[in-house]
Protein backbone atom coordinates (compact mmCIF):
# COMPACT_ATOMS: atom_id res chain seq x y z
CA MET A 1 188.77 76.22 88.57
CA LYS A 2 186.01 75.16 90.64
CA PRO A 3 183.96 72.44 90.22
CA ASP A 4 180.26 73.05 89.69
CA ILE A 5 178.58 71.59 92.71
CA PRO A 6 174.88 71.81 93.36
CA LYS A 7 173.89 73.62 96.31
CA LYS A 8 171.25 70.87 97.76
CA ALA A 9 172.04 67.34 97.94
CA PRO A 10 170.08 64.80 94.90
CA GLY A 11 168.04 63.55 97.77
CA GLN A 12 166.77 67.02 98.36
CA ARG A 13 165.85 67.82 95.24
CA LEU A 14 164.17 64.34 94.55
CA MET A 15 162.05 65.05 98.02
CA LYS A 16 161.35 68.52 97.33
CA GLN A 17 159.73 67.38 93.67
CA MET A 18 158.12 64.34 95.32
CA PRO A 19 154.15 64.71 95.28
CA LEU A 20 153.01 64.51 98.94
CA ARG A 21 150.89 61.53 98.84
CA THR A 22 154.23 59.41 97.93
CA LYS A 23 156.23 61.14 100.97
CA TRP A 24 153.35 60.05 102.63
CA LEU A 25 153.31 56.47 101.72
CA LEU A 26 156.85 56.02 102.09
CA CYS A 27 156.99 58.00 105.63
CA ALA A 28 154.40 55.92 106.91
CA ALA A 29 155.67 52.31 105.93
CA GLY A 30 159.24 53.61 106.77
CA GLY A 31 158.00 54.33 110.38
CA LEU A 32 156.12 51.37 111.30
CA LEU A 33 158.90 49.02 109.75
CA LEU A 34 162.01 51.41 111.96
CA PHE A 35 159.39 51.13 115.00
CA GLY A 36 158.73 47.73 114.44
CA PHE A 37 162.36 46.79 114.32
CA GLY A 38 163.69 48.73 117.18
CA ILE A 39 161.05 47.23 119.63
CA SER A 40 162.21 43.89 118.58
CA VAL A 41 165.93 44.73 119.12
CA VAL A 42 165.02 46.44 122.52
CA SER A 43 163.45 43.09 123.40
CA SER A 44 166.16 41.10 121.95
CA ALA A 45 168.15 43.06 124.50
CA ALA A 46 166.15 42.47 127.39
CA THR A 47 166.72 38.68 126.91
CA LEU A 48 170.51 39.16 126.84
CA LYS A 49 170.25 41.30 130.01
CA ALA A 50 168.54 38.20 131.43
CA ASP A 51 171.39 35.84 130.33
CA PRO A 52 174.08 36.26 133.32
CA ASN A 53 176.92 35.32 130.60
CA VAL A 54 176.11 38.02 128.89
CA ALA A 55 178.62 41.33 129.59
CA PHE A 56 176.99 44.59 130.24
CA THR A 57 178.15 46.56 127.65
CA ARG A 58 176.48 44.07 124.99
CA TRP A 59 172.94 44.20 125.63
CA PHE A 60 173.29 47.81 126.63
CA ILE A 61 174.60 48.44 122.79
CA TRP A 62 171.82 46.52 121.77
CA GLY A 63 169.31 48.06 123.74
CA LEU A 64 170.83 51.56 122.81
CA TYR A 65 170.47 50.72 119.51
CA GLY A 66 167.04 49.51 119.53
CA LEU A 67 165.67 52.75 121.14
CA ILE A 68 167.57 55.16 118.66
CA MET A 69 165.41 52.74 115.95
CA THR A 70 162.32 53.06 117.80
CA ASN A 71 162.77 56.55 118.02
CA LEU A 72 163.32 57.12 114.32
CA GLY A 73 160.35 55.22 113.41
CA LEU A 74 158.33 57.48 115.65
CA VAL A 75 159.86 60.49 113.77
CA CYS A 76 158.95 59.07 110.61
CA PHE A 77 155.54 58.13 111.44
CA GLY A 78 155.48 61.69 112.82
CA GLN A 79 156.30 63.23 109.79
CA ALA A 80 154.01 61.00 107.60
CA ILE A 81 151.20 62.66 109.91
CA ARG A 82 152.72 66.03 108.91
CA PHE A 83 152.36 65.13 105.21
CA ARG A 84 148.93 63.62 105.76
CA VAL A 85 147.46 66.89 107.17
CA LEU A 86 149.03 68.56 104.14
CA MET A 87 147.56 66.58 101.51
CA ASP A 88 143.74 67.36 103.33
CA ILE A 89 144.56 70.51 103.69
CA ASN A 90 145.52 71.05 100.11
CA LYS A 91 142.57 69.21 99.02
CA LYS A 92 140.25 71.57 101.06
CA PHE A 93 142.00 74.76 99.64
CA ASN A 94 141.70 73.32 96.11
CA LYS A 95 137.82 72.33 96.89
CA GLN A 96 137.37 75.68 98.18
CA GLU A 97 139.32 77.98 95.69
CA LYS A 98 136.73 75.76 92.53
CA GLU A 99 134.01 76.78 94.34
CA ILE A 100 135.00 80.81 94.53
CA GLN A 101 135.96 80.32 90.53
CA ARG A 102 132.47 79.37 89.70
CA HIS A 103 131.15 81.67 91.59
CA ILE A 104 133.26 84.17 90.40
CA LYS A 105 131.76 82.95 86.69
CA LYS A 106 128.45 83.12 87.61
CA VAL A 107 128.89 87.10 88.97
CA ASN A 108 130.47 87.65 85.83
CA HIS A 109 127.74 86.21 83.62
CA LEU A 110 124.65 88.05 85.83
CA GLY A 111 127.00 91.19 85.06
CA GLU A 112 127.22 90.56 81.25
CA VAL A 113 123.13 89.57 81.12
CA LEU A 114 122.44 93.02 83.14
CA ARG A 115 124.84 95.19 80.93
CA THR A 116 123.26 93.65 77.68
CA LYS A 117 119.83 94.66 79.31
CA GLU A 118 120.67 98.12 79.73
CA ASP A 119 122.46 98.63 76.33
CA LYS A 120 119.05 97.33 74.90
CA LYS A 121 116.97 99.87 77.05
CA GLY A 122 119.57 102.35 75.85
CA LYS A 123 119.07 101.85 72.19
CA ASP A 124 115.22 101.57 72.27
CA LYS A 125 115.14 105.22 73.89
């Protein structure tokens, strides 16, 4: 008997249901924190490199780790920018959609007014 395993991980389902604003806030904050942390680790590795008693592998691993964290922060922040652009586009489309719906209501109302006038003319004859 095969166990019933969902096709997507719980985190993926959670992210899909999460509003864009929440994704934007989380990615922006996380990206800035990771970037700052990575820069501080790189600077620590640079101080370790300046000390002649420290082995090459130690400061190299610390520097590599710092660069990875810095790049992860930049990627997260880039995602945050993407989510923000999507938010702005959705806002613009929603505004345009409401304007179009208002225009359609107005045109429908005018059509009804014209039809009732024509009906009255037809009855009078």
